[in-house]
Amino acid sequence: MKRIILTGYTGQLGHEITKRLECDYNNYFLETSEKIILDKSRSKEFDITDKNFVLEYINAIKPDVIINCAAYTNVDQAEENYEEAFRVNSLGPRNLAIAAEFVGAKLIHISTDYVFDGKGVIVNGEKMPYREYDVPGPINVYGKTKLLGENYVREFCSRYFIIRTSWLYGENGSNFVKTILRLAKEKGKLQVVNDQIGNPTNAEDLAGHILKLAFTDEYGIYHCTGNGIASWYDFACKIVEYAGIGCIVEPVTSEQYARKAKRPSYSCLDNMMLRSTIGDNMRYWEEALKDFIKNTLKL
C-alpha cells in the first residue's frame, strides 16, 4: 500500500489532489499533515520550515511519495516579508528534499511560471513559450524564492519531480476566477491588465497529471499548465461570458495598475516534458474554464 504525504492540502491544488486520492486512487493510503497526525503527542501542524520536525515526521511515516503544495504565494507581500517567503518557498523544499532522500521517497514539488523573467524566448523573430530547458531569471522575491526552492530540491533529492504551473484556479480557496465573478456582480464594470500573458490552469487537471507522474519514475522538471495562452484581460472576459454576467471588461496596462511586485509580462509555459513522457492531456484553457464555471461552481 502506497503512503503519500501531502503538504498544503487546504489550498486549491492540495484540495484537488486530496479529492482524487480519496476517490480515484482510493487503493492508496493518504497521509495529510493536518488531517492525520500519526505521532499523537504532537499538537503542532506540519511545518515544512522546521527541519528537525520534517526529518522526524517523515522518518516515522516513511512515505513512498511526498507532494509539496505548501508555499508562500502572496506575490506582493513577499517583497516586504522576504524572509518568511524564503523560509517557506526555499528552506521548506530543502527540508523535504533532505528527508525524502533519507527515506528513499519521491518528492513532487510545485513551482511557478514566475521563475522566468517574462521576456520569452525569441525564435525566428517570434516569442515562444518557455520550455523546461530554458534558463530562469525571476524578477520578484516570490519568483526568486521559488527558484531557490527548485534548486534545493535538485541538489538534495535524487527522485524528484519539479512541476511549474501558472494562473491556477480551483474549487477551494480564493483565485482570479472567483474574484472576477464577485467583482463583476458587484460593480458591473472592471478594468483588467492586458499586457501580462500566461496560461490559465484548472487545478483539477493539474492534480490528475501530478498523480499520474507520482507513480512513475519519469523524474525531472515539468511544465504543466492549461494549453493555449491568454492575457488576464482575455481570461476575465471569458469568465464573465461563461458565467452569463452582464459586465463590461476594459483592458488596462500594468503601469495603470501598479503593484509592489513586478510581474513577468510573458510567462507562458510549454508542456514539452509532459508530451515526451506521460502525455499532455491538459485541456485548452477555455474548455477547462467553461467546465469549471458551469459544473464546479454551478453558475
Protein backbone atom coordinates (compact mmCIF):
# COMPACT_ATOMS: atom_id res chain seq x y z
CA MET A 1 0.00 0.00 0.00
CA LYS A 2 1.44 3.37 -1.04
CA ARG A 3 1.92 6.08 1.54
CA ILE A 4 1.69 9.70 0.47
CA ILE A 5 2.40 12.82 2.48
CA LEU A 6 0.68 15.89 1.09
CA THR A 7 1.66 19.34 2.37
CA GLY A 8 -0.58 22.34 1.82
CA TYR A 9 -3.66 20.15 1.46
CA THR A 10 -6.05 23.03 2.30
CA GLY A 11 -5.02 25.05 -0.77
CA GLN A 12 -6.53 24.92 -4.25
CA LEU A 13 -4.23 22.25 -5.60
CA GLY A 14 -3.95 20.26 -2.37
CA HIS A 15 -7.74 20.13 -2.20
CA GLU A 16 -7.99 18.66 -5.71
CA ILE A 17 -5.23 16.13 -5.06
CA THR A 18 -6.96 15.04 -1.86
CA LYS A 19 -10.28 14.60 -3.70
CA ARG A 20 -8.65 12.47 -6.38
CA LEU A 21 -6.76 10.35 -3.89
CA GLU A 22 -9.90 9.68 -1.91
CA CYS A 23 -11.99 8.85 -4.99
CA ASP A 24 -9.90 7.77 -7.98
CA TYR A 25 -6.92 6.44 -6.06
CA ASN A 26 -8.67 5.03 -3.02
CA ASN A 27 -6.46 1.96 -3.11
CA TYR A 28 -3.60 4.15 -1.88
CA PHE A 29 -3.08 5.27 1.69
CA LEU A 30 -3.23 9.06 2.06
CA GLU A 31 -1.37 10.91 4.80
CA THR A 32 -2.04 14.63 5.09
CA SER A 33 -0.18 16.61 7.69
CA GLU A 34 -3.11 18.24 9.44
CA LYS A 35 -5.72 15.56 8.73
CA ILE A 36 -3.81 12.60 10.12
CA ILE A 37 -1.01 13.07 12.64
CA LEU A 38 0.43 9.67 13.43
CA ASP A 39 2.51 10.93 16.34
CA LYS A 40 -0.41 11.74 18.64
CA SER A 41 1.81 13.55 21.12
CA ARG A 42 2.35 16.36 18.62
CA SER A 43 -0.07 19.25 18.62
CA LYS A 44 1.73 21.40 16.04
CA GLU A 45 0.86 21.38 12.36
CA PHE A 46 3.25 20.06 9.76
CA ASP A 47 5.70 22.96 9.41
CA ILE A 48 7.97 22.41 6.42
CA THR A 49 10.28 25.20 7.62
CA ASP A 50 11.15 23.24 10.79
CA LYS A 51 13.94 20.95 9.61
CA ASN A 52 14.09 18.73 12.68
CA PHE A 53 10.33 18.25 12.71
CA VAL A 54 10.27 17.41 8.99
CA LEU A 55 13.07 14.87 9.32
CA GLU A 56 11.49 13.23 12.36
CA TYR A 57 7.97 13.12 10.91
CA ILE A 58 8.95 11.77 7.51
CA ASN A 59 11.31 9.21 9.02
CA ALA A 60 8.45 7.99 11.21
CA ILE A 61 5.96 7.72 8.30
CA LYS A 62 8.46 6.55 5.66
CA PRO A 63 6.24 7.62 2.76
CA ASP A 64 6.62 6.46 -0.82
CA VAL A 65 5.76 9.90 -2.18
CA ILE A 66 5.84 13.44 -0.76
CA ILE A 67 3.79 16.07 -2.63
CA ASN A 68 4.67 19.61 -1.62
CA CYS A 69 1.87 22.08 -2.33
CA ALA A 70 2.80 24.35 0.59
CA ALA A 71 4.01 27.78 -0.48
CA TYR A 72 4.09 31.47 0.36
CA THR A 73 2.02 32.71 -2.58
CA ASN A 74 1.30 36.39 -1.88
CA VAL A 75 3.49 37.90 -4.57
CA ASP A 76 3.20 41.50 -3.37
CA GLN A 77 3.67 40.80 0.34
CA ALA A 78 6.75 38.72 -0.44
CA GLU A 79 8.53 41.94 -1.42
CA GLU A 80 8.37 43.02 2.24
CA ASN A 81 8.12 39.66 4.01
CA TYR A 82 11.02 38.22 2.04
CA GLU A 83 12.43 36.24 4.95
CA GLU A 84 9.15 34.41 5.50
CA ALA A 85 8.83 33.80 1.75
CA PHE A 86 12.39 32.45 1.81
CA ARG A 87 11.66 30.14 4.73
CA VAL A 88 8.54 28.63 3.14
CA ASN A 89 9.45 28.66 -0.56
CA SER A 90 13.17 27.85 -0.27
CA LEU A 91 14.05 26.25 3.06
CA GLY A 92 10.82 24.23 3.22
CA PRO A 93 11.52 22.38 -0.04
CA ARG A 94 15.13 21.89 1.06
CA ASN A 95 13.99 20.22 4.28
CA LEU A 96 11.56 17.98 2.41
CA ALA A 97 14.23 17.06 -0.13
CA ILE A 98 16.71 16.06 2.56
CA ALA A 99 14.06 13.97 4.34
CA ALA A 100 12.83 12.39 1.09
CA GLU A 101 16.34 11.31 0.17
CA PHE A 102 16.92 9.88 3.63
CA VAL A 103 13.89 7.57 3.44
CA GLY A 104 14.07 6.91 -0.31
CA ALA A 105 10.84 8.73 -1.14
CA LYS A 106 9.89 10.51 -4.34
CA LEU A 107 9.40 14.27 -3.96
CA ILE A 108 6.93 16.20 -6.09
CA HIS A 109 7.49 19.93 -5.67
CA ILE A 110 5.12 22.52 -7.14
CA SER A 111 6.76 25.61 -8.61
CA THR A 112 5.73 28.52 -10.79
CA ASP A 113 6.00 30.33 -14.11
CA TYR A 114 7.33 33.30 -12.11
CA VAL A 115 10.80 31.74 -12.10
CA PHE A 116 11.12 33.31 -15.58
CA ASP A 117 11.78 36.96 -16.41
CA GLY A 118 8.85 37.46 -18.79
CA LYS A 119 10.87 38.29 -21.88
CA GLY A 120 10.00 35.00 -23.51
CA VAL A 121 12.16 33.05 -25.93
CA ILE A 122 12.56 34.55 -29.38
CA VAL A 123 12.66 32.00 -32.22
CA ASN A 124 12.78 33.29 -35.82
CA GLY A 125 11.55 36.65 -34.58
CA GLU A 126 8.58 35.15 -32.74
CA LYS A 127 8.09 34.97 -28.97
CA MET A 128 7.70 31.37 -27.84
CA PRO A 129 6.59 29.80 -24.52
CA TYR A 130 9.30 28.74 -22.10
CA ARG A 131 10.38 25.12 -22.19
CA GLU A 132 11.87 23.17 -19.33
CA TYR A 133 15.43 23.68 -20.55
CA ASP A 134 15.16 27.48 -20.76
CA VAL A 135 17.17 29.45 -18.22
CA PRO A 136 15.10 31.02 -15.38
CA GLY A 137 15.55 34.64 -14.33
CA PRO A 138 12.94 35.73 -11.76
CA ILE A 139 12.18 39.43 -11.35
CA ASN A 140 10.46 39.43 -7.95
CA VAL A 141 11.06 37.97 -4.49
CA TYR A 142 8.37 35.33 -4.90
CA GLY A 143 9.96 34.02 -8.09
CA LYS A 144 13.46 34.15 -6.61
CA THR A 145 12.48 32.15 -3.53
CA LYS A 146 10.60 29.60 -5.62
CA LEU A 147 13.61 29.15 -7.90
CA LEU A 148 15.91 28.61 -4.94
CA GLY A 149 13.45 26.01 -3.65
CA GLU A 150 13.71 24.23 -7.02
CA ASN A 151 17.50 24.31 -6.80
CA TYR A 152 17.49 22.84 -3.30
CA VAL A 153 15.19 20.01 -4.43
CA ARG A 154 17.54 19.18 -7.29
CA GLU A 155 20.57 19.36 -5.00
CA PHE A 156 19.34 17.24 -2.11
CA CYS A 157 16.93 14.73 -3.67
CA SER A 158 17.59 12.22 -6.45
CA ARG A 159 13.95 11.19 -7.07
CA TYR A 160 12.23 14.48 -7.80
CA PHE A 161 9.52 15.97 -9.97
CA ILE A 162 9.56 19.77 -10.14
CA ILE A 163 6.27 20.91 -11.64
CA ARG A 164 5.90 24.51 -12.77
CA THR A 165 2.38 25.75 -13.28
CA SER A 166 0.64 29.12 -13.68
CA TRP A 167 -2.53 31.14 -13.16
CA LEU A 168 -4.11 28.40 -11.07
CA TYR A 169 -7.76 28.31 -10.08
CA GLY A 170 -9.86 25.69 -8.33
CA GLU A 171 -12.87 24.95 -6.19
CA ASN A 172 -11.19 25.61 -2.85
CA GLY A 173 -9.83 28.96 -1.66
CA SER A 174 -9.60 32.29 -3.44
CA ASN A 175 -8.41 32.80 -7.00
CA PHE A 176 -8.72 35.08 -10.03
CA VAL A 177 -11.86 33.37 -11.34
CA LYS A 178 -13.76 33.79 -8.09
CA THR A 179 -12.54 37.36 -7.67
CA ILE A 180 -13.67 38.37 -11.16
CA LEU A 181 -17.05 36.72 -10.65
CA ARG A 182 -17.58 38.58 -7.39
CA LEU A 183 -16.46 41.96 -8.72
CA ALA A 184 -18.42 41.57 -11.95
CA LYS A 185 -21.62 41.04 -9.98
CA GLU A 186 -20.87 43.88 -7.58
CA LYS A 187 -19.61 46.55 -9.98
CA GLY A 188 -20.78 45.74 -13.49
CA LYS A 189 -17.59 47.24 -14.94
CA LEU A 190 -14.00 46.07 -14.50
CA GLN A 191 -10.53 47.06 -15.64
CA VAL A 192 -8.06 44.20 -16.13
CA VAL A 193 -4.45 44.26 -17.33
CA ASN A 194 -3.95 43.25 -20.95
CA ASP A 195 -0.15 43.17 -21.16
CA GLN A 196 0.62 40.14 -18.99
CA ILE A 197 0.36 36.87 -20.91
CA GLY A 198 0.24 33.37 -19.44
CA ASN A 199 -1.61 30.05 -19.21
CA PRO A 200 -4.78 29.78 -17.09
CA THR A 201 -4.73 26.38 -15.36
CA ASN A 202 -7.53 24.35 -13.83
CA ALA A 203 -6.35 22.76 -10.56
CA GLU A 204 -8.36 19.62 -11.28
CA ASP A 205 -6.41 18.99 -14.49
CA LEU A 206 -3.10 19.68 -12.78
CA ALA A 207 -3.90 17.33 -9.90
CA GLY A 208 -4.58 14.48 -12.30
CA HIS A 209 -1.22 14.89 -14.03
CA ILE A 210 0.63 15.15 -10.72
CA LEU A 211 -0.80 11.85 -9.50
CA LYS A 212 -0.13 10.19 -12.83
CA LEU A 213 3.53 11.23 -12.55
CA ALA A 214 3.73 10.18 -8.90
CA PHE A 215 3.58 6.51 -9.78
CA THR A 216 6.24 6.65 -12.49
CA ASP A 217 10.00 7.06 -12.49
CA GLU A 218 9.93 9.84 -15.11
CA TYR A 219 11.86 12.24 -12.88
CA GLY A 220 12.76 15.81 -13.84
CA ILE A 221 11.38 19.31 -14.39
CA TYR A 222 7.91 19.65 -15.88
CA HIS A 223 5.74 22.47 -17.13
CA CYS A 224 2.08 21.67 -16.56
CA THR A 225 -0.43 24.37 -17.47
CA GLY A 226 -3.63 24.75 -19.40
CA ASN A 227 -2.99 24.71 -23.13
CA GLY A 228 -3.29 27.95 -25.05
CA ILE A 229 -2.30 31.44 -23.92
CA ALA A 230 -4.24 34.47 -22.70
CA SER A 231 -3.85 37.83 -21.04
CA TRP A 232 -5.51 38.50 -17.71
CA TYR A 233 -7.97 40.61 -19.71
CA ASP A 234 -8.76 37.69 -22.04
CA PHE A 235 -9.16 35.45 -19.01
CA ALA A 236 -11.55 37.89 -17.31
CA CYS A 237 -13.64 38.33 -20.47
CA LYS A 238 -14.19 34.59 -20.75
CA ILE A 239 -15.04 34.29 -17.04
CA VAL A 240 -17.77 36.90 -17.40
CA GLU A 241 -19.01 35.40 -20.67
CA TYR A 242 -19.22 31.82 -19.39
CA ALA A 243 -20.95 32.94 -16.20
CA GLY A 244 -23.50 34.95 -18.17
CA ILE A 245 -22.87 38.14 -16.19
CA GLY A 246 -23.66 41.49 -17.82
CA CYS A 247 -20.38 43.18 -17.04
CA ILE A 248 -18.12 45.42 -19.12
CA VAL A 249 -14.43 44.45 -19.00
CA GLU A 250 -11.91 47.08 -20.11
CA PRO A 251 -8.21 46.48 -20.85
CA VAL A 252 -5.56 48.50 -18.99
CA THR A 253 -1.77 48.40 -18.83
CA SER A 254 0.32 47.16 -15.92
CA GLU A 255 1.52 50.74 -15.40
CA GLN A 256 -2.06 51.82 -14.83
CA TYR A 257 -2.45 49.07 -12.24
CA ALA A 258 0.74 49.46 -10.23
CA ARG A 259 1.60 46.78 -7.66
CA LYS A 260 4.50 46.24 -5.26
CA ALA A 261 5.98 43.28 -7.11
CA LYS A 262 6.83 43.39 -10.78
CA ARG A 263 5.13 40.66 -12.80
CA PRO A 264 6.63 38.94 -15.85
CA SER A 265 4.88 40.27 -18.95
CA TYR A 266 5.13 36.93 -20.76
CA SER A 267 5.30 33.77 -18.66
CA CYS A 268 3.74 31.21 -20.99
CA LEU A 269 4.95 27.65 -20.49
CA ASP A 270 5.24 24.80 -22.99
CA ASN A 271 4.35 21.34 -21.62
CA MET A 272 7.15 19.69 -23.59
CA MET A 273 8.23 17.23 -20.88
CA LEU A 274 4.65 16.01 -20.42
CA ARG A 275 4.32 15.34 -24.14
CA SER A 276 7.60 13.45 -24.08
CA THR A 277 6.72 11.20 -21.11
CA ILE A 278 3.22 10.53 -19.77
CA GLY A 279 1.37 12.63 -22.36
CA ASP A 280 -0.12 16.11 -22.22
CA ASN A 281 -3.83 15.80 -21.54
CA MET A 282 -4.19 19.29 -20.07
CA ARG A 283 -7.28 20.85 -21.60
CA TYR A 284 -7.25 24.12 -23.52
CA TRP A 285 -7.83 26.86 -21.01
CA GLU A 286 -11.19 27.99 -22.43
CA GLU A 287 -12.64 24.48 -22.25
CA ALA A 288 -11.37 23.88 -18.72
CA LEU A 289 -12.65 27.27 -17.56
CA LYS A 290 -16.11 26.76 -19.03
CA ASP A 291 -16.37 23.38 -17.34
CA PHE A 292 -15.21 24.83 -14.01
CA ILE A 293 -17.77 27.64 -14.04
CA LYS A 294 -20.72 25.53 -15.18
CA ASN A 295 -20.05 22.25 -13.40
CA THR A 296 -17.88 23.07 -10.38
CA LEU A 297 -19.22 26.49 -9.40
CA LYS A 298 -22.58 25.56 -10.99
CA LEU A 299 -23.33 29.04 -12.28
